[in-house]
Amino acid sequence: MSFYTEVLGMDVTDRESTAALLGSGGYSPLILRAMGKGDMRAPGSVGIQYVMWAASSKEDLDRAERVLKQRSAHVETRPGDGCTVVEGRDPDGIPVMIAYPGVDLTRMRELPARIYAW
């Protein structure tokens, strides 16, 4: 849990034994729920295969990158498609991507090819 609160800069606003609600300022809330052991999942299998989040500012993106590096979880930082993406791995090895500026979902018409790279 601390991984996501640190990397995304969010606070736990509610918590139960297997779930937590994270929130902060202008962010959309994020619900994390633990089920079973945290084995890596192959593409096409059931379960979380990656997490993507939009940073609220360039400073927020830079902070997330610093936290990932401090945790030795940073994979790469790359520009592309009109935004910069910082990629890391959570404690279960699940890819986590933070983008800035965020994707305008009202304009998105195609899935980004990167989601099939794992």
N, C-alpha and C. Protein backbone atom coordinates (compact mmCIF):
# COMPACT_ATOMS: atom_id res chain seq x y z
N MET A 1 0.82 -1.19 0.00
CA MET A 1 0.00 0.00 0.00
C MET A 1 0.87 1.26 0.00
N SER A 2 1.95 1.22 0.80
CA SER A 2 2.80 2.41 0.87
C SER A 2 3.40 2.75 -0.49
N PHE A 3 3.62 1.73 -1.33
CA PHE A 3 4.13 1.97 -2.67
C PHE A 3 3.21 2.94 -3.41
N TYR A 4 1.92 2.65 -3.45
CA TYR A 4 0.99 3.48 -4.19
C TYR A 4 0.77 4.84 -3.54
N THR A 5 0.74 4.91 -2.22
CA THR A 5 0.57 6.22 -1.59
C THR A 5 1.77 7.11 -1.86
N GLU A 6 2.98 6.54 -1.86
CA GLU A 6 4.18 7.34 -2.13
C GLU A 6 4.30 7.70 -3.60
N VAL A 7 4.17 6.73 -4.49
CA VAL A 7 4.37 6.99 -5.92
C VAL A 7 3.31 7.92 -6.47
N LEU A 8 2.05 7.71 -6.10
CA LEU A 8 0.96 8.53 -6.63
C LEU A 8 0.68 9.76 -5.77
N GLY A 9 1.31 9.87 -4.61
CA GLY A 9 1.11 11.04 -3.75
C GLY A 9 -0.30 11.11 -3.19
N MET A 10 -0.85 9.96 -2.85
CA MET A 10 -2.23 9.91 -2.35
C MET A 10 -2.25 9.45 -0.90
N ASP A 11 -3.37 9.68 -0.23
CA ASP A 11 -3.56 9.26 1.16
C ASP A 11 -4.62 8.18 1.23
N VAL A 12 -4.49 7.30 2.21
CA VAL A 12 -5.53 6.31 2.46
C VAL A 12 -6.68 7.02 3.17
N THR A 13 -7.86 7.01 2.54
CA THR A 13 -9.02 7.68 3.13
C THR A 13 -9.96 6.69 3.80
N ASP A 14 -9.84 5.40 3.46
CA ASP A 14 -10.63 4.35 4.11
C ASP A 14 -9.87 3.05 3.91
N ARG A 15 -9.98 2.14 4.89
CA ARG A 15 -9.24 0.88 4.79
C ARG A 15 -9.97 -0.23 5.51
N GLU A 16 -9.97 -1.40 4.89
CA GLU A 16 -10.48 -2.62 5.49
C GLU A 16 -9.36 -3.66 5.40
N SER A 17 -9.61 -4.87 5.83
CA SER A 17 -8.53 -5.86 5.87
C SER A 17 -7.96 -6.20 4.49
N THR A 18 -8.77 -6.18 3.43
CA THR A 18 -8.28 -6.53 2.10
C THR A 18 -8.47 -5.43 1.06
N ALA A 19 -8.86 -4.24 1.48
CA ALA A 19 -9.09 -3.17 0.51
C ALA A 19 -8.77 -1.82 1.12
N ALA A 20 -8.45 -0.88 0.24
CA ALA A 20 -8.18 0.50 0.69
C ALA A 20 -8.65 1.47 -0.38
N LEU A 21 -9.13 2.62 0.06
CA LEU A 21 -9.52 3.72 -0.82
C LEU A 21 -8.47 4.81 -0.67
N LEU A 22 -7.86 5.18 -1.80
CA LEU A 22 -6.85 6.24 -1.80
C LEU A 22 -7.44 7.45 -2.49
N GLY A 23 -7.10 8.63 -2.00
CA GLY A 23 -7.59 9.86 -2.60
C GLY A 23 -6.67 11.01 -2.24
N SER A 24 -6.82 12.09 -3.01
CA SER A 24 -6.02 13.28 -2.75
C SER A 24 -6.47 14.40 -3.66
N GLY A 25 -6.71 15.55 -3.10
CA GLY A 25 -7.02 16.74 -3.87
C GLY A 25 -7.90 16.51 -5.07
N GLY A 26 -7.40 16.86 -6.25
CA GLY A 26 -8.18 16.77 -7.47
C GLY A 26 -8.13 15.42 -8.17
N TYR A 27 -7.47 14.43 -7.57
CA TYR A 27 -7.38 13.12 -8.18
C TYR A 27 -8.70 12.37 -8.12
N SER A 28 -8.90 11.50 -9.08
CA SER A 28 -9.97 10.52 -8.97
C SER A 28 -9.53 9.52 -7.92
N PRO A 29 -10.46 8.98 -7.15
CA PRO A 29 -10.06 8.01 -6.13
C PRO A 29 -9.56 6.72 -6.77
N LEU A 30 -8.75 5.99 -6.02
CA LEU A 30 -8.21 4.71 -6.46
C LEU A 30 -8.53 3.69 -5.39
N ILE A 31 -9.11 2.56 -5.78
CA ILE A 31 -9.40 1.48 -4.85
C ILE A 31 -8.42 0.35 -5.11
N LEU A 32 -7.75 -0.11 -4.07
CA LEU A 32 -6.85 -1.25 -4.16
C LEU A 32 -7.47 -2.39 -3.36
N ARG A 33 -7.48 -3.57 -3.94
CA ARG A 33 -8.04 -4.71 -3.23
C ARG A 33 -7.10 -5.90 -3.41
N ALA A 34 -6.74 -6.54 -2.32
CA ALA A 34 -5.86 -7.70 -2.35
C ALA A 34 -6.69 -8.97 -2.38
N MET A 35 -6.31 -9.88 -3.28
CA MET A 35 -6.96 -11.19 -3.36
C MET A 35 -5.91 -12.22 -3.71
N GLY A 36 -5.75 -13.23 -2.91
CA GLY A 36 -4.78 -14.28 -3.20
C GLY A 36 -3.36 -13.78 -3.12
N LYS A 37 -2.44 -14.63 -3.57
CA LYS A 37 -1.03 -14.22 -3.55
C LYS A 37 -0.72 -13.37 -4.76
N GLY A 38 0.35 -12.58 -4.69
CA GLY A 38 0.68 -11.60 -5.73
C GLY A 38 1.54 -12.13 -6.85
N ASP A 39 1.17 -13.25 -7.46
CA ASP A 39 1.94 -13.79 -8.58
C ASP A 39 1.80 -12.90 -9.81
N MET A 40 2.85 -12.82 -10.61
CA MET A 40 2.81 -12.09 -11.87
C MET A 40 1.83 -12.79 -12.80
N ARG A 41 1.06 -12.02 -13.53
CA ARG A 41 0.06 -12.58 -14.43
C ARG A 41 0.50 -12.44 -15.87
N ALA A 42 0.27 -13.48 -16.62
CA ALA A 42 0.62 -13.46 -18.04
C ALA A 42 -0.44 -12.68 -18.81
N PRO A 43 -0.05 -12.01 -19.93
CA PRO A 43 -1.06 -11.34 -20.75
C PRO A 43 -2.16 -12.32 -21.14
N GLY A 44 -3.39 -11.85 -21.04
CA GLY A 44 -4.54 -12.69 -21.36
C GLY A 44 -5.13 -13.39 -20.16
N SER A 45 -4.41 -13.42 -19.04
CA SER A 45 -4.95 -14.06 -17.84
C SER A 45 -5.80 -13.04 -17.07
N VAL A 46 -6.54 -13.54 -16.11
CA VAL A 46 -7.40 -12.68 -15.31
C VAL A 46 -6.57 -11.99 -14.23
N GLY A 47 -6.82 -10.72 -14.00
CA GLY A 47 -6.13 -9.98 -12.95
C GLY A 47 -5.45 -8.75 -13.50
N ILE A 48 -4.92 -7.94 -12.61
CA ILE A 48 -4.25 -6.70 -13.00
C ILE A 48 -2.97 -7.04 -13.72
N GLN A 49 -2.77 -6.45 -14.89
CA GLN A 49 -1.54 -6.65 -15.64
C GLN A 49 -0.70 -5.39 -15.66
N TYR A 50 -1.30 -4.23 -15.46
CA TYR A 50 -0.56 -2.98 -15.31
C TYR A 50 -1.51 -1.93 -14.76
N VAL A 51 -0.92 -0.85 -14.23
CA VAL A 51 -1.67 0.29 -13.71
C VAL A 51 -1.16 1.52 -14.45
N MET A 52 -2.06 2.36 -14.93
CA MET A 52 -1.66 3.62 -15.57
C MET A 52 -2.38 4.76 -14.87
N TRP A 53 -1.64 5.83 -14.60
CA TRP A 53 -2.17 6.96 -13.86
C TRP A 53 -1.68 8.24 -14.52
N ALA A 54 -2.49 9.30 -14.45
CA ALA A 54 -2.09 10.61 -14.99
C ALA A 54 -1.63 11.50 -13.84
N ALA A 55 -0.43 12.05 -13.96
CA ALA A 55 0.08 13.00 -12.97
C ALA A 55 -0.65 14.33 -13.15
N SER A 56 -0.81 15.07 -12.07
CA SER A 56 -1.53 16.34 -12.13
C SER A 56 -0.66 17.49 -12.64
N SER A 57 0.67 17.30 -12.62
CA SER A 57 1.59 18.36 -13.07
C SER A 57 2.94 17.73 -13.40
N LYS A 58 3.80 18.49 -14.05
CA LYS A 58 5.15 18.02 -14.35
C LYS A 58 5.90 17.75 -13.05
N GLU A 59 5.68 18.59 -12.05
CA GLU A 59 6.31 18.40 -10.74
C GLU A 59 5.86 17.09 -10.11
N ASP A 60 4.57 16.76 -10.24
CA ASP A 60 4.03 15.52 -9.71
C ASP A 60 4.66 14.32 -10.41
N LEU A 61 4.84 14.41 -11.73
CA LEU A 61 5.48 13.35 -12.49
C LEU A 61 6.93 13.18 -12.04
N ASP A 62 7.65 14.29 -11.86
CA ASP A 62 9.04 14.24 -11.39
C ASP A 62 9.13 13.61 -10.00
N ARG A 63 8.17 13.94 -9.13
CA ARG A 63 8.15 13.36 -7.78
C ARG A 63 7.95 11.85 -7.85
N ALA A 64 7.01 11.40 -8.69
CA ALA A 64 6.75 9.96 -8.84
C ALA A 64 8.01 9.25 -9.35
N GLU A 65 8.70 9.87 -10.30
CA GLU A 65 9.94 9.28 -10.82
C GLU A 65 10.98 9.15 -9.71
N ARG A 66 11.13 10.20 -8.89
CA ARG A 66 12.09 10.16 -7.78
C ARG A 66 11.76 9.02 -6.81
N VAL A 67 10.47 8.89 -6.46
CA VAL A 67 10.06 7.84 -5.52
C VAL A 67 10.35 6.46 -6.10
N LEU A 68 10.03 6.26 -7.38
CA LEU A 68 10.32 4.97 -8.01
C LEU A 68 11.82 4.67 -7.98
N LYS A 69 12.64 5.67 -8.24
CA LYS A 69 14.10 5.47 -8.20
C LYS A 69 14.57 5.17 -6.79
N GLN A 70 14.03 5.87 -5.79
CA GLN A 70 14.41 5.62 -4.39
C GLN A 70 14.05 4.20 -3.98
N ARG A 71 12.97 3.67 -4.53
CA ARG A 71 12.52 2.32 -4.21
C ARG A 71 13.15 1.27 -5.13
N SER A 72 14.06 1.67 -5.99
CA SER A 72 14.68 0.79 -6.99
C SER A 72 13.61 0.10 -7.83
N ALA A 73 12.56 0.84 -8.15
CA ALA A 73 11.44 0.31 -8.92
C ALA A 73 11.27 1.00 -10.26
N HIS A 74 12.16 1.93 -10.60
CA HIS A 74 12.09 2.69 -11.85
C HIS A 74 12.58 1.82 -13.00
N VAL A 75 11.82 1.80 -14.10
CA VAL A 75 12.22 1.06 -15.29
C VAL A 75 12.75 2.02 -16.34
N GLU A 76 11.96 3.02 -16.71
CA GLU A 76 12.40 4.01 -17.68
C GLU A 76 11.47 5.22 -17.66
N THR A 77 11.97 6.31 -18.23
CA THR A 77 11.17 7.51 -18.46
C THR A 77 11.29 7.81 -19.94
N ARG A 78 10.15 7.96 -20.62
CA ARG A 78 10.20 8.16 -22.06
C ARG A 78 9.14 9.15 -22.52
N PRO A 79 9.53 10.03 -23.45
CA PRO A 79 8.54 10.91 -24.08
C PRO A 79 7.89 10.17 -25.25
N GLY A 80 6.68 10.60 -25.61
CA GLY A 80 6.03 10.00 -26.77
C GLY A 80 4.55 10.27 -26.77
N ASP A 81 3.96 10.31 -27.94
CA ASP A 81 2.52 10.52 -28.08
C ASP A 81 2.03 11.77 -27.35
N GLY A 82 2.86 12.83 -27.33
CA GLY A 82 2.45 14.08 -26.72
C GLY A 82 2.53 14.13 -25.21
N CYS A 83 3.13 13.10 -24.59
CA CYS A 83 3.28 13.12 -23.14
C CYS A 83 4.54 12.36 -22.74
N THR A 84 4.93 12.52 -21.49
CA THR A 84 6.05 11.78 -20.93
C THR A 84 5.49 10.70 -20.02
N VAL A 85 6.05 9.49 -20.10
CA VAL A 85 5.61 8.38 -19.28
C VAL A 85 6.77 7.90 -18.43
N VAL A 86 6.51 7.79 -17.12
CA VAL A 86 7.46 7.20 -16.19
C VAL A 86 6.95 5.80 -15.89
N GLU A 87 7.80 4.81 -16.08
CA GLU A 87 7.38 3.42 -15.85
C GLU A 87 8.19 2.81 -14.72
N GLY A 88 7.50 2.05 -13.89
CA GLY A 88 8.14 1.33 -12.80
C GLY A 88 7.43 0.02 -12.56
N ARG A 89 7.80 -0.66 -11.50
CA ARG A 89 7.16 -1.91 -11.10
C ARG A 89 6.74 -1.78 -9.64
N ASP A 90 5.53 -2.27 -9.34
CA ASP A 90 5.09 -2.26 -7.95
C ASP A 90 5.72 -3.44 -7.22
N PRO A 91 5.51 -3.59 -5.91
CA PRO A 91 6.16 -4.68 -5.17
C PRO A 91 5.83 -6.08 -5.68
N ASP A 92 4.73 -6.25 -6.40
CA ASP A 92 4.37 -7.55 -6.98
C ASP A 92 4.91 -7.71 -8.40
N GLY A 93 5.66 -6.73 -8.89
CA GLY A 93 6.21 -6.79 -10.24
C GLY A 93 5.26 -6.31 -11.32
N ILE A 94 4.12 -5.77 -10.93
CA ILE A 94 3.13 -5.28 -11.89
C ILE A 94 3.61 -3.94 -12.44
N PRO A 95 3.62 -3.76 -13.77
CA PRO A 95 4.01 -2.48 -14.35
C PRO A 95 3.09 -1.34 -13.91
N VAL A 96 3.71 -0.22 -13.55
CA VAL A 96 2.99 0.99 -13.17
C VAL A 96 3.51 2.11 -14.06
N MET A 97 2.59 2.80 -14.75
CA MET A 97 2.98 3.90 -15.63
C MET A 97 2.27 5.17 -15.19
N ILE A 98 3.03 6.25 -15.08
CA ILE A 98 2.47 7.56 -14.72
C ILE A 98 2.79 8.48 -15.89
N ALA A 99 1.75 9.14 -16.41
CA ALA A 99 1.92 9.99 -17.60
C ALA A 99 1.60 11.44 -17.27
N TYR A 100 2.29 12.34 -17.99
CA TYR A 100 1.95 13.76 -17.94
C TYR A 100 2.31 14.37 -19.29
N PRO A 101 1.47 15.22 -19.87
CA PRO A 101 0.10 15.43 -19.41
C PRO A 101 -0.71 14.17 -19.62
N GLY A 102 -1.78 14.07 -18.86
CA GLY A 102 -2.62 12.89 -18.93
C GLY A 102 -3.31 12.76 -20.27
N VAL A 103 -3.78 11.59 -20.53
CA VAL A 103 -4.49 11.31 -21.77
C VAL A 103 -5.88 11.94 -21.71
N ASP A 104 -6.27 12.63 -22.78
CA ASP A 104 -7.61 13.18 -22.88
C ASP A 104 -8.52 12.04 -23.31
N LEU A 105 -9.20 11.43 -22.34
CA LEU A 105 -10.02 10.26 -22.63
C LEU A 105 -11.17 10.54 -23.57
N THR A 106 -11.60 11.81 -23.67
CA THR A 106 -12.68 12.12 -24.59
C THR A 106 -12.22 12.03 -26.03
N ARG A 107 -10.91 12.10 -26.26
CA ARG A 107 -10.35 12.03 -27.62
C ARG A 107 -9.77 10.66 -27.95
N MET A 108 -9.57 9.82 -26.94
CA MET A 108 -8.96 8.52 -27.19
C MET A 108 -9.91 7.63 -27.97
N ARG A 109 -9.42 7.11 -29.08
CA ARG A 109 -10.22 6.24 -29.93
C ARG A 109 -9.57 4.88 -30.16
N GLU A 110 -8.28 4.77 -29.80
CA GLU A 110 -7.54 3.53 -29.97
C GLU A 110 -6.73 3.24 -28.71
N LEU A 111 -6.57 1.96 -28.41
CA LEU A 111 -5.74 1.58 -27.28
C LEU A 111 -4.28 1.82 -27.64
N PRO A 112 -3.49 2.34 -26.69
CA PRO A 112 -2.07 2.51 -26.97
C PRO A 112 -1.39 1.15 -27.14
N ALA A 113 -0.54 1.01 -28.13
CA ALA A 113 0.11 -0.27 -28.44
C ALA A 113 0.93 -0.77 -27.26
N ARG A 114 1.45 0.13 -26.44
CA ARG A 114 2.32 -0.24 -25.32
C ARG A 114 1.65 -1.22 -24.36
N ILE A 115 0.31 -1.21 -24.26
CA ILE A 115 -0.33 -2.08 -23.27
C ILE A 115 -0.19 -3.55 -23.61
N TYR A 116 0.20 -3.85 -24.85
CA TYR A 116 0.36 -5.25 -25.24
C TYR A 116 1.81 -5.71 -25.19
N ALA A 117 2.69 -4.88 -24.65
CA ALA A 117 4.13 -5.16 -24.66
C ALA A 117 4.56 -6.18 -23.61
N TRP A 118 3.70 -6.57 -22.69
CA TRP A 118 4.14 -7.50 -21.63
C TRP A 118 3.73 -8.91 -21.94
